Amino acid sequence: MADMSDAFIVRPGGTGTMEEFFEQWTWGQIGYHRKPIALLNVAGFFDPLLTMIDRMVARGFLSEKHRDMLIFETDISSVLTRFAAYEHPAEKGYAR
Protein backbone atom coordinates (compact mmCIF):
# COMPACT_ATOMS: atom_id res chain seq x y z
CA MET A 1 0.00 0.00 0.00
CA ALA A 2 2.71 2.48 0.95
CA ASP A 3 4.66 1.93 -2.26
CA MET A 4 1.62 2.49 -4.48
CA SER A 5 0.24 5.55 -2.68
CA ASP A 6 1.05 9.25 -2.93
CA ALA A 7 -0.72 10.01 0.36
CA PHE A 8 -3.04 8.38 2.89
CA ILE A 9 -6.58 9.37 3.83
CA VAL A 10 -7.96 7.60 6.89
CA ARG A 11 -11.74 7.42 7.07
CA PRO A 12 -13.76 6.29 10.09
CA GLY A 13 -13.40 2.57 10.57
CA GLY A 14 -12.53 -0.25 12.93
CA THR A 15 -9.43 -2.02 14.15
CA GLY A 16 -8.07 -2.75 10.67
CA THR A 17 -8.29 0.93 9.78
CA MET A 18 -6.49 1.89 12.98
CA GLU A 19 -3.79 -0.73 12.41
CA GLU A 20 -3.10 0.54 8.89
CA PHE A 21 -3.16 4.17 10.07
CA PHE A 22 -0.64 3.61 12.87
CA GLU A 23 1.60 1.54 10.61
CA GLN A 24 1.78 4.26 7.95
CA TRP A 25 2.27 6.97 10.57
CA THR A 26 5.10 5.01 12.19
CA TRP A 27 6.70 4.30 8.82
CA GLY A 28 6.61 8.01 8.04
CA GLN A 29 8.33 8.78 11.34
CA ILE A 30 11.17 6.36 10.70
CA GLY A 31 11.67 7.24 7.04
CA TYR A 32 10.05 4.36 5.13
CA HIS A 33 8.03 7.00 3.28
CA ARG A 34 7.58 10.79 3.22
CA LYS A 35 3.88 10.88 2.34
CA PRO A 36 1.17 12.91 4.06
CA ILE A 37 -1.45 11.22 6.24
CA ALA A 38 -4.87 12.73 6.80
CA LEU A 39 -7.66 11.68 9.11
CA LEU A 40 -11.00 12.65 7.59
CA ASN A 41 -12.74 13.59 10.81
CA VAL A 42 -16.35 12.95 9.80
CA ALA A 43 -18.81 14.02 12.53
CA GLY A 44 -15.95 14.23 15.05
CA PHE A 45 -15.16 10.52 14.75
CA PHE A 46 -11.43 11.04 15.39
CA ASP A 47 -11.80 13.64 18.17
CA PRO A 48 -10.99 11.10 20.95
CA LEU A 49 -7.92 9.93 19.00
CA LEU A 50 -6.74 13.51 18.58
CA THR A 51 -7.13 14.03 22.33
CA MET A 52 -5.06 10.90 23.01
CA ILE A 53 -2.35 11.97 20.54
CA ASP A 54 -2.17 15.43 22.13
CA ARG A 55 -1.87 13.76 25.56
CA MET A 56 1.03 11.69 24.22
CA VAL A 57 2.78 14.92 23.22
CA ALA A 58 2.02 16.61 26.55
CA ARG A 59 3.49 13.66 28.48
CA GLY A 60 6.61 13.38 26.33
CA PHE A 61 5.79 10.14 24.50
CA LEU A 62 5.51 11.81 21.10
CA SER A 63 7.32 14.77 19.59
CA GLU A 64 5.36 17.76 18.37
CA LYS A 65 6.90 17.40 14.90
CA HIS A 66 5.60 13.85 14.57
CA ARG A 67 2.16 14.86 15.84
CA ASP A 68 2.16 17.61 13.24
CA MET A 69 2.70 15.02 10.48
CA LEU A 70 -1.01 14.23 10.80
CA ILE A 71 -3.64 16.24 9.02
CA PHE A 72 -7.04 16.39 10.74
CA GLU A 73 -9.79 17.85 8.54
CA THR A 74 -13.55 17.46 8.23
CA ASP A 75 -13.82 17.76 4.44
CA ILE A 76 -11.90 16.34 1.53
CA SER A 77 -11.14 19.66 -0.16
CA SER A 78 -9.30 20.84 2.97
CA VAL A 79 -7.39 17.55 3.05
CA LEU A 80 -6.26 18.00 -0.54
CA THR A 81 -5.23 21.61 0.11
CA ARG A 82 -3.14 20.48 3.08
CA PHE A 83 -1.64 17.63 1.04
CA ALA A 84 -0.43 20.16 -1.55
CA ALA A 85 1.39 22.15 1.16
CA TYR A 86 2.72 19.16 3.13
CA GLU A 87 6.36 19.13 4.21
CA HIS A 88 7.66 16.01 5.88
CA PRO A 89 9.67 16.46 9.10
CA ALA A 90 13.05 14.92 9.72
CA GLU A 91 12.92 11.22 10.48
CA LYS A 92 13.85 9.63 13.79
CA GLY A 93 17.04 8.29 12.24
CA TYR A 94 16.04 4.69 11.56
CA ALA A 95 15.48 4.91 7.79
CA ARG A 96 16.00 1.70 5.87
C-alpha atoms as a PDB file:
ATOM      1  CA  MET A   1       0.000   0.000   0.000  1.00  0.00           C
ATOM      2  CA  ALA A   2       2.710   2.485   0.945  1.00  0.00           C
ATOM      3  CA  ASP A   3       4.662   1.929  -2.263  1.00  0.00           C
ATOM      4  CA  MET A   4       1.623   2.488  -4.484  1.00  0.00           C
ATOM      5  CA  SER A   5       0.239   5.553  -2.685  1.00  0.00           C
ATOM      6  CA  ASP A   6       1.050   9.247  -2.934  1.00  0.00           C
ATOM      7  CA  ALA A   7      -0.723  10.010   0.355  1.00  0.00           C
ATOM      8  CA  PHE A   8      -3.037   8.382   2.886  1.00  0.00           C
ATOM      9  CA  ILE A   9      -6.581   9.373   3.828  1.00  0.00           C
ATOM     10  CA  VAL A  10      -7.963   7.602   6.887  1.00  0.00           C
ATOM     11  CA  ARG A  11     -11.740   7.423   7.072  1.00  0.00           C
ATOM     12  CA  PRO A  12     -13.759   6.292  10.090  1.00  0.00           C
ATOM     13  CA  GLY A  13     -13.403   2.567  10.575  1.00  0.00           C
ATOM     14  CA  GLY A  14     -12.528  -0.250  12.927  1.00  0.00           C
ATOM     15  CA  THR A  15      -9.434  -2.019  14.154  1.00  0.00           C
ATOM     16  CA  GLY A  16      -8.071  -2.754  10.672  1.00  0.00           C
ATOM     17  CA  THR A  17      -8.295   0.926   9.782  1.00  0.00           C
ATOM     18  CA  MET A  18      -6.490   1.890  12.984  1.00  0.00           C
ATOM     19  CA  GLU A  19      -3.791  -0.729  12.409  1.00  0.00           C
ATOM     20  CA  GLU A  20      -3.105   0.544   8.891  1.00  0.00           C
ATOM     21  CA  PHE A  21      -3.158   4.167  10.067  1.00  0.00           C
ATOM     22  CA  PHE A  22      -0.639   3.610  12.865  1.00  0.00           C
ATOM     23  CA  GLU A  23       1.600   1.538  10.613  1.00  0.00           C
ATOM     24  CA  GLN A  24       1.780   4.259   7.952  1.00  0.00           C
ATOM     25  CA  TRP A  25       2.270   6.970  10.565  1.00  0.00           C
ATOM     26  CA  THR A  26       5.103   5.012  12.186  1.00  0.00           C
ATOM     27  CA  TRP A  27       6.698   4.301   8.823  1.00  0.00           C
ATOM     28  CA  GLY A  28       6.609   8.010   8.040  1.00  0.00           C
ATOM     29  CA  GLN A  29       8.327   8.780  11.340  1.00  0.00           C
ATOM     30  CA  ILE A  30      11.171   6.361  10.704  1.00  0.00           C
ATOM     31  CA  GLY A  31      11.668   7.237   7.044  1.00  0.00           C
ATOM     32  CA  TYR A  32      10.053   4.359   5.126  1.00  0.00           C
ATOM     33  CA  HIS A  33       8.027   7.004   3.279  1.00  0.00           C
ATOM     34  CA  ARG A  34       7.579  10.788   3.221  1.00  0.00           C
ATOM     35  CA  LYS A  35       3.882  10.881   2.344  1.00  0.00           C
ATOM     36  CA  PRO A  36       1.165  12.905   4.061  1.00  0.00           C
ATOM     37  CA  ILE A  37      -1.449  11.223   6.236  1.00  0.00           C
ATOM     38  CA  ALA A  38      -4.870  12.731   6.801  1.00  0.00           C
ATOM     39  CA  LEU A  39      -7.665  11.678   9.106  1.00  0.00           C
ATOM     40  CA  LEU A  40     -10.996  12.648   7.594  1.00  0.00           C
ATOM     41  CA  ASN A  41     -12.743  13.589  10.811  1.00  0.00           C
ATOM     42  CA  VAL A  42     -16.351  12.947   9.800  1.00  0.00           C
ATOM     43  CA  ALA A  43     -18.806  14.017  12.526  1.00  0.00           C
ATOM     44  CA  GLY A  44     -15.949  14.234  15.047  1.00  0.00           C
ATOM     45  CA  PHE A  45     -15.156  10.516  14.751  1.00  0.00           C
ATOM     46  CA  PHE A  46     -11.429  11.039  15.389  1.00  0.00           C
ATOM     47  CA  ASP A  47     -11.801  13.640  18.171  1.00  0.00           C
ATOM     48  CA  PRO A  48     -10.991  11.096  20.945  1.00  0.00           C
ATOM     49  CA  LEU A  49      -7.920   9.926  18.999  1.00  0.00           C
ATOM     50  CA  LEU A  50      -6.736  13.515  18.580  1.00  0.00           C
ATOM     51  CA  THR A  51      -7.133  14.028  22.330  1.00  0.00           C
ATOM     52  CA  MET A  52      -5.059  10.898  23.007  1.00  0.00           C
ATOM     53  CA  ILE A  53      -2.345  11.974  20.544  1.00  0.00           C
ATOM     54  CA  ASP A  54      -2.166  15.431  22.127  1.00  0.00           C
ATOM     55  CA  ARG A  55      -1.873  13.760  25.557  1.00  0.00           C
ATOM     56  CA  MET A  56       1.033  11.688  24.221  1.00  0.00           C
ATOM     57  CA  VAL A  57       2.785  14.924  23.222  1.00  0.00           C
ATOM     58  CA  ALA A  58       2.024  16.607  26.554  1.00  0.00           C
ATOM     59  CA  ARG A  59       3.489  13.657  28.481  1.00  0.00           C
ATOM     60  CA  GLY A  60       6.606  13.381  26.332  1.00  0.00           C
ATOM     61  CA  PHE A  61       5.785  10.140  24.503  1.00  0.00           C
ATOM     62  CA  LEU A  62       5.510  11.808  21.097  1.00  0.00           C
ATOM     63  CA  SER A  63       7.321  14.765  19.592  1.00  0.00           C
ATOM     64  CA  GLU A  64       5.361  17.756  18.374  1.00  0.00           C
ATOM     65  CA  LYS A  65       6.900  17.400  14.896  1.00  0.00           C
ATOM     66  CA  HIS A  66       5.603  13.852  14.574  1.00  0.00           C
ATOM     67  CA  ARG A  67       2.162  14.857  15.839  1.00  0.00           C
ATOM     68  CA  ASP A  68       2.156  17.610  13.237  1.00  0.00           C
ATOM     69  CA  MET A  69       2.696  15.020  10.481  1.00  0.00           C
ATOM     70  CA  LEU A  70      -1.008  14.234  10.803  1.00  0.00           C
ATOM     71  CA  ILE A  71      -3.644  16.239   9.015  1.00  0.00           C
ATOM     72  CA  PHE A  72      -7.039  16.387  10.741  1.00  0.00           C
ATOM     73  CA  GLU A  73      -9.788  17.850   8.542  1.00  0.00           C
ATOM     74  CA  THR A  74     -13.546  17.463   8.229  1.00  0.00           C
ATOM     75  CA  ASP A  75     -13.820  17.762   4.440  1.00  0.00           C
ATOM     76  CA  ILE A  76     -11.899  16.339   1.531  1.00  0.00           C
ATOM     77  CA  SER A  77     -11.142  19.664  -0.159  1.00  0.00           C
ATOM     78  CA  SER A  78      -9.303  20.837   2.972  1.00  0.00           C
ATOM     79  CA  VAL A  79      -7.388  17.548   3.055  1.00  0.00           C
ATOM     80  CA  LEU A  80      -6.260  18.003  -0.544  1.00  0.00           C
ATOM     81  CA  THR A  81      -5.225  21.606   0.112  1.00  0.00           C
ATOM     82  CA  ARG A  82      -3.144  20.485   3.081  1.00  0.00           C
ATOM     83  CA  PHE A  83      -1.639  17.631   1.038  1.00  0.00           C
ATOM     84  CA  ALA A  84      -0.432  20.159  -1.547  1.00  0.00           C
ATOM     85  CA  ALA A  85       1.388  22.153   1.163  1.00  0.00           C
ATOM     86  CA  TYR A  86       2.719  19.156   3.130  1.00  0.00           C
ATOM     87  CA  GLU A  87       6.356  19.132   4.214  1.00  0.00           C
ATOM     88  CA  HIS A  88       7.665  16.009   5.877  1.00  0.00           C
ATOM     89  CA  PRO A  89       9.667  16.464   9.103  1.00  0.00           C
ATOM     90  CA  ALA A  90      13.054  14.916   9.722  1.00  0.00           C
ATOM     91  CA  GLU A  91      12.920  11.221  10.483  1.00  0.00           C
ATOM     92  CA  LYS A  92      13.847   9.631  13.785  1.00  0.00           C
ATOM     93  CA  GLY A  93      17.039   8.293  12.242  1.00  0.00           C
ATOM     94  CA  TYR A  94      16.040   4.688  11.560  1.00  0.00           C
ATOM     95  CA  ALA A  95      15.478   4.908   7.792  1.00  0.00           C
ATOM     96  CA  ARG A  96      16.003   1.699   5.867  1.00  0.00           C
END
